[in-house]
Amino acid sequence: MINELIGALAHLGLARAYALQAQSLQGDGADAARAKSRAAYNDFLSLWKDADPDIPVLKLAKAEYAKLQRAAY
């Protein structure tokens, strides 16, 4: 059970790392990092789709993902 939690949070950490990378790059590199970040957020959110929506880390991850989505356009 603990491995599932750590694995899911690893996806979140990866998503955040790619989002930071996208902020420091320009052009195609930034686009690629944003795409990787979105994919990692999707993985995390898929794993936690049945979780209590009031869990703080889940709420924060959803807000970060929404911000990333807006930044892409």
PDB file of N, CA and C in Angstrom:
ATOM      1  N   MET A   1       0.821  -1.199   0.000  1.00  0.00           N
ATOM      2  CA  MET A   1       0.000   0.000   0.000  1.00  0.00           C
ATOM      3  C   MET A   1       0.868   1.266   0.000  1.00  0.00           C
ATOM      4  N   ILE A   2       1.918   1.279   0.794  1.00  0.00           N
ATOM      5  CA  ILE A   2       2.769   2.469   0.854  1.00  0.00           C
ATOM      6  C   ILE A   2       3.467   2.691  -0.475  1.00  0.00           C
ATOM      7  N   ASN A   3       3.822   1.623  -1.172  1.00  0.00           N
ATOM      8  CA  ASN A   3       4.473   1.771  -2.472  1.00  0.00           C
ATOM      9  C   ASN A   3       3.567   2.477  -3.474  1.00  0.00           C
ATOM     10  N   GLU A   4       2.272   2.224  -3.393  1.00  0.00           N
ATOM     11  CA  GLU A   4       1.343   2.891  -4.297  1.00  0.00           C
ATOM     12  C   GLU A   4       1.333   4.400  -4.050  1.00  0.00           C
ATOM     13  N   LEU A   5       1.383   4.792  -2.817  1.00  0.00           N
ATOM     14  CA  LEU A   5       1.407   6.215  -2.472  1.00  0.00           C
ATOM     15  C   LEU A   5       2.693   6.862  -2.970  1.00  0.00           C
ATOM     16  N   ILE A   6       3.809   6.220  -2.698  1.00  0.00           N
ATOM     17  CA  ILE A   6       5.091   6.780  -3.110  1.00  0.00           C
ATOM     18  C   ILE A   6       5.190   6.840  -4.632  1.00  0.00           C
ATOM     19  N   GLY A   7       4.705   5.813  -5.300  1.00  0.00           N
ATOM     20  CA  GLY A   7       4.732   5.797  -6.762  1.00  0.00           C
ATOM     21  C   GLY A   7       3.895   6.917  -7.359  1.00  0.00           C
ATOM     22  N   ALA A   8       2.732   7.131  -6.803  1.00  0.00           N
ATOM     23  CA  ALA A   8       1.867   8.209  -7.303  1.00  0.00           C
ATOM     24  C   ALA A   8       2.518   9.566  -7.066  1.00  0.00           C
ATOM     25  N   LEU A   9       3.083   9.743  -5.898  1.00  0.00           N
ATOM     26  CA  LEU A   9       3.739  11.019  -5.586  1.00  0.00           C
ATOM     27  C   LEU A   9       4.988  11.229  -6.440  1.00  0.00           C
ATOM     28  N   ALA A  10       5.608  10.142  -6.873  1.00  0.00           N
ATOM     29  CA  ALA A  10       6.751  10.269  -7.786  1.00  0.00           C
ATOM     30  C   ALA A  10       6.305  10.886  -9.110  1.00  0.00           C
ATOM     31  N   HIS A  11       5.130  10.504  -9.587  1.00  0.00           N
ATOM     32  CA  HIS A  11       4.587  11.115 -10.813  1.00  0.00           C
ATOM     33  C   HIS A  11       4.373  12.615 -10.609  1.00  0.00           C
ATOM     34  N   LEU A  12       3.894  12.987  -9.438  1.00  0.00           N
ATOM     35  CA  LEU A  12       3.671  14.398  -9.137  1.00  0.00           C
ATOM     36  C   LEU A  12       4.995  15.155  -9.095  1.00  0.00           C
ATOM     37  N   GLY A  13       5.995  14.573  -8.470  1.00  0.00           N
ATOM     38  CA  GLY A  13       7.307  15.217  -8.422  1.00  0.00           C
ATOM     39  C   GLY A  13       7.904  15.391  -9.803  1.00  0.00           C
ATOM     40  N   LEU A  14       7.742  14.388 -10.638  1.00  0.00           N
ATOM     41  CA  LEU A  14       8.236  14.474 -12.012  1.00  0.00           C
ATOM     42  C   LEU A  14       7.496  15.569 -12.782  1.00  0.00           C
ATOM     43  N   ALA A  15       6.187  15.642 -12.596  1.00  0.00           N
ATOM     44  CA  ALA A  15       5.397  16.680 -13.257  1.00  0.00           C
ATOM     45  C   ALA A  15       5.874  18.069 -12.861  1.00  0.00           C
ATOM     46  N   ARG A  16       6.143  18.244 -11.589  1.00  0.00           N
ATOM     47  CA  ARG A  16       6.618  19.542 -11.102  1.00  0.00           C
ATOM     48  C   ARG A  16       7.999  19.870 -11.652  1.00  0.00           C
ATOM     49  N   ALA A  17       8.859  18.871 -11.730  1.00  0.00           N
ATOM     50  CA  ALA A  17      10.212  19.091 -12.261  1.00  0.00           C
ATOM     51  C   ALA A  17      10.153  19.503 -13.731  1.00  0.00           C
ATOM     52  N   TYR A  18       9.344  18.823 -14.515  1.00  0.00           N
ATOM     53  CA  TYR A  18       9.209  19.200 -15.923  1.00  0.00           C
ATOM     54  C   TYR A  18       8.594  20.593 -16.076  1.00  0.00           C
ATOM     55  N   ALA A  19       7.666  20.949 -15.202  1.00  0.00           N
ATOM     56  CA  ALA A  19       7.064  22.288 -15.259  1.00  0.00           C
ATOM     57  C   ALA A  19       8.111  23.357 -14.981  1.00  0.00           C
ATOM     58  N   LEU A  20       8.980  23.111 -14.010  1.00  0.00           N
ATOM     59  CA  LEU A  20      10.068  24.057 -13.728  1.00  0.00           C
ATOM     60  C   LEU A  20      11.032  24.147 -14.904  1.00  0.00           C
ATOM     61  N   GLN A  21      11.315  23.013 -15.504  1.00  0.00           N
ATOM     62  CA  GLN A  21      12.205  23.005 -16.664  1.00  0.00           C
ATOM     63  C   GLN A  21      11.600  23.829 -17.799  1.00  0.00           C
ATOM     64  N   ALA A  22      10.303  23.690 -18.019  1.00  0.00           N
ATOM     65  CA  ALA A  22       9.631  24.432 -19.088  1.00  0.00           C
ATOM     66  C   ALA A  22       9.743  25.938 -18.866  1.00  0.00           C
ATOM     67  N   GLN A  23       9.726  26.356 -17.600  1.00  0.00           N
ATOM     68  CA  GLN A  23       9.834  27.783 -17.295  1.00  0.00           C
ATOM     69  C   GLN A  23      11.211  28.327 -17.629  1.00  0.00           C
ATOM     70  N   SER A  24      12.219  27.473 -17.600  1.00  0.00           N
ATOM     71  CA  SER A  24      13.584  27.945 -17.840  1.00  0.00           C
ATOM     72  C   SER A  24      14.018  27.802 -19.294  1.00  0.00           C
ATOM     73  N   LEU A  25      13.198  27.188 -20.117  1.00  0.00           N
ATOM     74  CA  LEU A  25      13.536  26.988 -21.526  1.00  0.00           C
ATOM     75  C   LEU A  25      12.660  27.853 -22.412  1.00  0.00           C
ATOM     76  N   GLN A  26      13.021  27.866 -23.693  1.00  0.00           N
ATOM     77  CA  GLN A  26      12.226  28.589 -24.693  1.00  0.00           C
ATOM     78  C   GLN A  26      12.013  27.688 -25.891  1.00  0.00           C
ATOM     79  N   GLY A  27      11.016  28.010 -26.667  1.00  0.00           N
ATOM     80  CA  GLY A  27      10.788  27.311 -27.931  1.00  0.00           C
ATOM     81  C   GLY A  27      10.398  25.861 -27.765  1.00  0.00           C
ATOM     82  N   ASP A  28      10.976  25.028 -28.648  1.00  0.00           N
ATOM     83  CA  ASP A  28      10.608  23.611 -28.677  1.00  0.00           C
ATOM     84  C   ASP A  28      10.957  22.896 -27.373  1.00  0.00           C
ATOM     85  N   GLY A  29      12.048  23.291 -26.744  1.00  0.00           N
ATOM     86  CA  GLY A  29      12.433  22.667 -25.480  1.00  0.00           C
ATOM     87  C   GLY A  29      11.388  22.895 -24.400  1.00  0.00           C
ATOM     88  N   ALA A  30      10.873  24.107 -24.329  1.00  0.00           N
ATOM     89  CA  ALA A  30       9.832  24.419 -23.344  1.00  0.00           C
ATOM     90  C   ALA A  30       8.548  23.665 -23.665  1.00  0.00           C
ATOM     91  N   ASP A  31       8.214  23.586 -24.939  1.00  0.00           N
ATOM     92  CA  ASP A  31       7.007  22.858 -25.341  1.00  0.00           C
ATOM     93  C   ASP A  31       7.111  21.383 -24.968  1.00  0.00           C
ATOM     94  N   ALA A  32       8.277  20.787 -25.193  1.00  0.00           N
ATOM     95  CA  ALA A  32       8.483  19.377 -24.867  1.00  0.00           C
ATOM     96  C   ALA A  32       8.399  19.147 -23.358  1.00  0.00           C
ATOM     97  N   ALA A  33       8.981  20.040 -22.581  1.00  0.00           N
ATOM     98  CA  ALA A  33       8.937  19.911 -21.119  1.00  0.00           C
ATOM     99  C   ALA A  33       7.509  20.062 -20.610  1.00  0.00           C
ATOM    100  N   ARG A  34       6.751  20.991 -21.188  1.00  0.00           N
ATOM    101  CA  ARG A  34       5.338  21.154 -20.791  1.00  0.00           C
ATOM    102  C   ARG A  34       4.537  19.903 -21.125  1.00  0.00           C
ATOM    103  N   ALA A  35       4.795  19.310 -22.275  1.00  0.00           N
ATOM    104  CA  ALA A  35       4.085  18.083 -22.661  1.00  0.00           C
ATOM    105  C   ALA A  35       4.402  16.948 -21.690  1.00  0.00           C
ATOM    106  N   LYS A  36       5.660  16.831 -21.308  1.00  0.00           N
ATOM    107  CA  LYS A  36       6.048  15.801 -20.345  1.00  0.00           C
ATOM    108  C   LYS A  36       5.420  16.076 -18.986  1.00  0.00           C
ATOM    109  N   SER A  37       5.352  17.339 -18.612  1.00  0.00           N
ATOM    110  CA  SER A  37       4.736  17.710 -17.345  1.00  0.00           C
ATOM    111  C   SER A  37       3.249  17.364 -17.344  1.00  0.00           C
ATOM    112  N   ARG A  38       2.567  17.718 -18.417  1.00  0.00           N
ATOM    113  CA  ARG A  38       1.136  17.391 -18.515  1.00  0.00           C
ATOM    114  C   ARG A  38       0.910  15.886 -18.427  1.00  0.00           C
ATOM    115  N   ALA A  39       1.757  15.107 -19.091  1.00  0.00           N
ATOM    116  CA  ALA A  39       1.616  13.646 -19.066  1.00  0.00           C
ATOM    117  C   ALA A  39       1.812  13.111 -17.648  1.00  0.00           C
ATOM    118  N   ALA A  40       2.792  13.630 -16.941  1.00  0.00           N
ATOM    119  CA  ALA A  40       3.040  13.169 -15.576  1.00  0.00           C
ATOM    120  C   ALA A  40       1.902  13.585 -14.641  1.00  0.00           C
ATOM    121  N   TYR A  41       1.369  14.800 -14.810  1.00  0.00           N
ATOM    122  CA  TYR A  41       0.198  15.209 -14.020  1.00  0.00           C
ATOM    123  C   TYR A  41      -0.981  14.295 -14.328  1.00  0.00           C
ATOM    124  N   ASN A  42      -1.191  13.984 -15.603  1.00  0.00           N
ATOM    125  CA  ASN A  42      -2.283  13.077 -15.969  1.00  0.00           C
ATOM    126  C   ASN A  42      -2.119  11.714 -15.302  1.00  0.00           C
ATOM    127  N   ASP A  43      -0.887  11.207 -15.274  1.00  0.00           N
ATOM    128  CA  ASP A  43      -0.630   9.927 -14.610  1.00  0.00           C
ATOM    129  C   ASP A  43      -0.995  10.008 -13.132  1.00  0.00           C
ATOM    130  N   PHE A  44      -0.536  11.066 -12.474  1.00  0.00           N
ATOM    131  CA  PHE A  44      -0.838  11.238 -11.047  1.00  0.00           C
ATOM    132  C   PHE A  44      -2.347  11.340 -10.819  1.00  0.00           C
ATOM    133  N   LEU A  45      -2.996  12.190 -11.594  1.00  0.00           N
ATOM    134  CA  LEU A  45      -4.428  12.400 -11.394  1.00  0.00           C
ATOM    135  C   LEU A  45      -5.230  11.141 -11.721  1.00  0.00           C
ATOM    136  N   SER A  46      -4.769  10.355 -12.667  1.00  0.00           N
ATOM    137  CA  SER A  46      -5.441   9.083 -12.972  1.00  0.00           C
ATOM    138  C   SER A  46      -5.314   8.109 -11.804  1.00  0.00           C
ATOM    139  N   LEU A  47      -4.128   8.054 -11.216  1.00  0.00           N
ATOM    140  CA  LEU A  47      -3.922   7.163 -10.076  1.00  0.00           C
ATOM    141  C   LEU A  47      -4.762   7.583  -8.870  1.00  0.00           C
ATOM    142  N   TRP A  48      -5.010   8.879  -8.734  1.00  0.00           N
ATOM    143  CA  TRP A  48      -5.744   9.394  -7.583  1.00  0.00           C
ATOM    144  C   TRP A  48      -7.183   9.788  -7.932  1.00  0.00           C
ATOM    145  N   LYS A  49      -7.704   9.253  -9.005  1.00  0.00           N
ATOM    146  CA  LYS A  49      -9.045   9.667  -9.457  1.00  0.00           C
ATOM    147  C   LYS A  49     -10.138   9.351  -8.437  1.00  0.00           C
ATOM    148  N   ASP A  50      -9.938   8.328  -7.617  1.00  0.00           N
ATOM    149  CA  ASP A  50     -10.944   7.950  -6.625  1.00  0.00           C
ATOM    150  C   ASP A  50     -10.615   8.449  -5.220  1.00  0.00           C
ATOM    151  N   ALA A  51      -9.583   9.257  -5.105  1.00  0.00           N
ATOM    152  CA  ALA A  51      -9.173   9.766  -3.785  1.00  0.00           C
ATOM    153  C   ALA A  51     -10.149  10.833  -3.295  1.00  0.00           C
ATOM    154  N   ASP A  52     -10.121  11.061  -2.018  1.00  0.00           N
ATOM    155  CA  ASP A  52     -10.918  12.124  -1.403  1.00  0.00           C
ATOM    156  C   ASP A  52     -10.501  13.457  -2.033  1.00  0.00           C
ATOM    157  N   PRO A  53     -11.419  14.188  -2.641  1.00  0.00           N
ATOM    158  CA  PRO A  53     -11.059  15.430  -3.329  1.00  0.00           C
ATOM    159  C   PRO A  53     -10.566  16.545  -2.407  1.00  0.00           C
ATOM    160  N   ASP A  54     -10.706  16.369  -1.101  1.00  0.00           N
ATOM    161  CA  ASP A  54     -10.270  17.396  -0.160  1.00  0.00           C
ATOM    162  C   ASP A  54      -8.843  17.190   0.336  1.00  0.00           C
ATOM    163  N   ILE A  55      -8.140  16.167  -0.164  1.00  0.00           N
ATOM    164  CA  ILE A  55      -6.750  15.949   0.233  1.00  0.00           C
ATOM    165  C   ILE A  55      -5.927  17.120  -0.302  1.00  0.00           C
ATOM    166  N   PRO A  56      -5.188  17.798   0.570  1.00  0.00           N
ATOM    167  CA  PRO A  56      -4.463  19.001   0.148  1.00  0.00           C
ATOM    168  C   PRO A  56      -3.521  18.799  -1.034  1.00  0.00           C
ATOM    169  N   VAL A  57      -2.770  17.706  -1.060  1.00  0.00           N
ATOM    170  CA  VAL A  57      -1.825  17.507  -2.162  1.00  0.00           C
ATOM    171  C   VAL A  57      -2.568  17.314  -3.484  1.00  0.00           C
ATOM    172  N   LEU A  58      -3.730  16.696  -3.442  1.00  0.00           N
ATOM    173  CA  LEU A  58      -4.524  16.507  -4.657  1.00  0.00           C
ATOM    174  C   LEU A  58      -5.095  17.841  -5.140  1.00  0.00           C
ATOM    175  N   LYS A  59      -5.588  18.643  -4.225  1.00  0.00           N
ATOM    176  CA  LYS A  59      -6.105  19.962  -4.589  1.00  0.00           C
ATOM    177  C   LYS A  59      -5.011  20.825  -5.213  1.00  0.00           C
ATOM    178  N   LEU A  60      -3.820  20.769  -4.615  1.00  0.00           N
ATOM    179  CA  LEU A  60      -2.694  21.551  -5.121  1.00  0.00           C
ATOM    180  C   LEU A  60      -2.271  21.050  -6.502  1.00  0.00           C
ATOM    181  N   ALA A  61      -2.217  19.749  -6.679  1.00  0.00           N
ATOM    182  CA  ALA A  61      -1.829  19.181  -7.973  1.00  0.00           C
ATOM    183  C   ALA A  61      -2.830  19.581  -9.067  1.00  0.00           C
ATOM    184  N   LYS A  62      -4.110  19.571  -8.748  1.00  0.00           N
ATOM    185  CA  LYS A  62      -5.118  19.987  -9.728  1.00  0.00           C
ATOM    186  C   LYS A  62      -4.953  21.452 -10.097  1.00  0.00           C
ATOM    187  N   ALA A  63      -4.649  22.289  -9.115  1.00  0.00           N
ATOM    188  CA  ALA A  63      -4.440  23.714  -9.386  1.00  0.00           C
ATOM    189  C   ALA A  63      -3.188  23.926 -10.236  1.00  0.00           C
ATOM    190  N   GLU A  64      -2.124  23.198  -9.933  1.00  0.00           N
ATOM    191  CA  GLU A  64      -0.885  23.308 -10.713  1.00  0.00           C
ATOM    192  C   GLU A  64      -1.121  22.858 -12.152  1.00  0.00           C
ATOM    193  N   TYR A  65      -1.856  21.782 -12.314  1.00  0.00           N
ATOM    194  CA  TYR A  65      -2.150  21.255 -13.647  1.00  0.00           C
ATOM    195  C   TYR A  65      -2.983  22.276 -14.442  1.00  0.00           C
ATOM    196  N   ALA A  66      -3.961  22.869 -13.797  1.00  0.00           N
ATOM    197  CA  ALA A  66      -4.775  23.882 -14.485  1.00  0.00           C
ATOM    198  C   ALA A  66      -3.934  25.077 -14.908  1.00  0.00           C
ATOM    199  N   LYS A  67      -3.024  25.495 -14.049  1.00  0.00           N
ATOM    200  CA  LYS A  67      -2.137  26.605 -14.384  1.00  0.00           C
ATOM    201  C   LYS A  67      -1.247  26.252 -15.575  1.00  0.00           C
ATOM    202  N   LEU A  68      -0.745  25.014 -15.590  1.00  0.00           N
ATOM    203  CA  LEU A  68       0.081  24.542 -16.694  1.00  0.00           C
ATOM    204  C   LEU A  68      -0.719  24.528 -17.995  1.00  0.00           C
ATOM    205  N   GLN A  69      -1.957  24.121 -17.921  1.00  0.00           N
ATOM    206  CA  GLN A  69      -2.818  24.082 -19.103  1.00  0.00           C
ATOM    207  C   GLN A  69      -3.015  25.491 -19.672  1.00  0.00           C
ATOM    208  N   ARG A  70      -3.221  26.452 -18.786  1.00  0.00           N
ATOM    209  CA  ARG A  70      -3.415  27.843 -19.239  1.00  0.00           C
ATOM    210  C   ARG A  70      -2.135  28.415 -19.847  1.00  0.00           C
ATOM    211  N   ALA A  71      -0.992  28.042 -19.301  1.00  0.00           N
ATOM    212  CA  ALA A  71       0.284  28.570 -19.771  1.00  0.00           C
ATOM    213  C   ALA A  71       0.651  28.054 -21.149  1.00  0.00           C
ATOM    214  N   ALA A  72       0.085  26.943 -21.538  1.00  0.00           N
ATOM    215  CA  ALA A  72       0.423  26.338 -22.826  1.00  0.00           C
ATOM    216  C   ALA A  72      -0.190  27.105 -24.001  1.00  0.00           C
ATOM    217  N   TYR A  73      -1.166  27.953 -23.702  1.00  0.00           N
ATOM    218  CA  TYR A  73      -1.859  28.639 -24.797  1.00  0.00           C
ATOM    219  C   TYR A  73      -1.613  30.123 -24.782  1.00  0.00           C
TER     220      TYR A  73
END
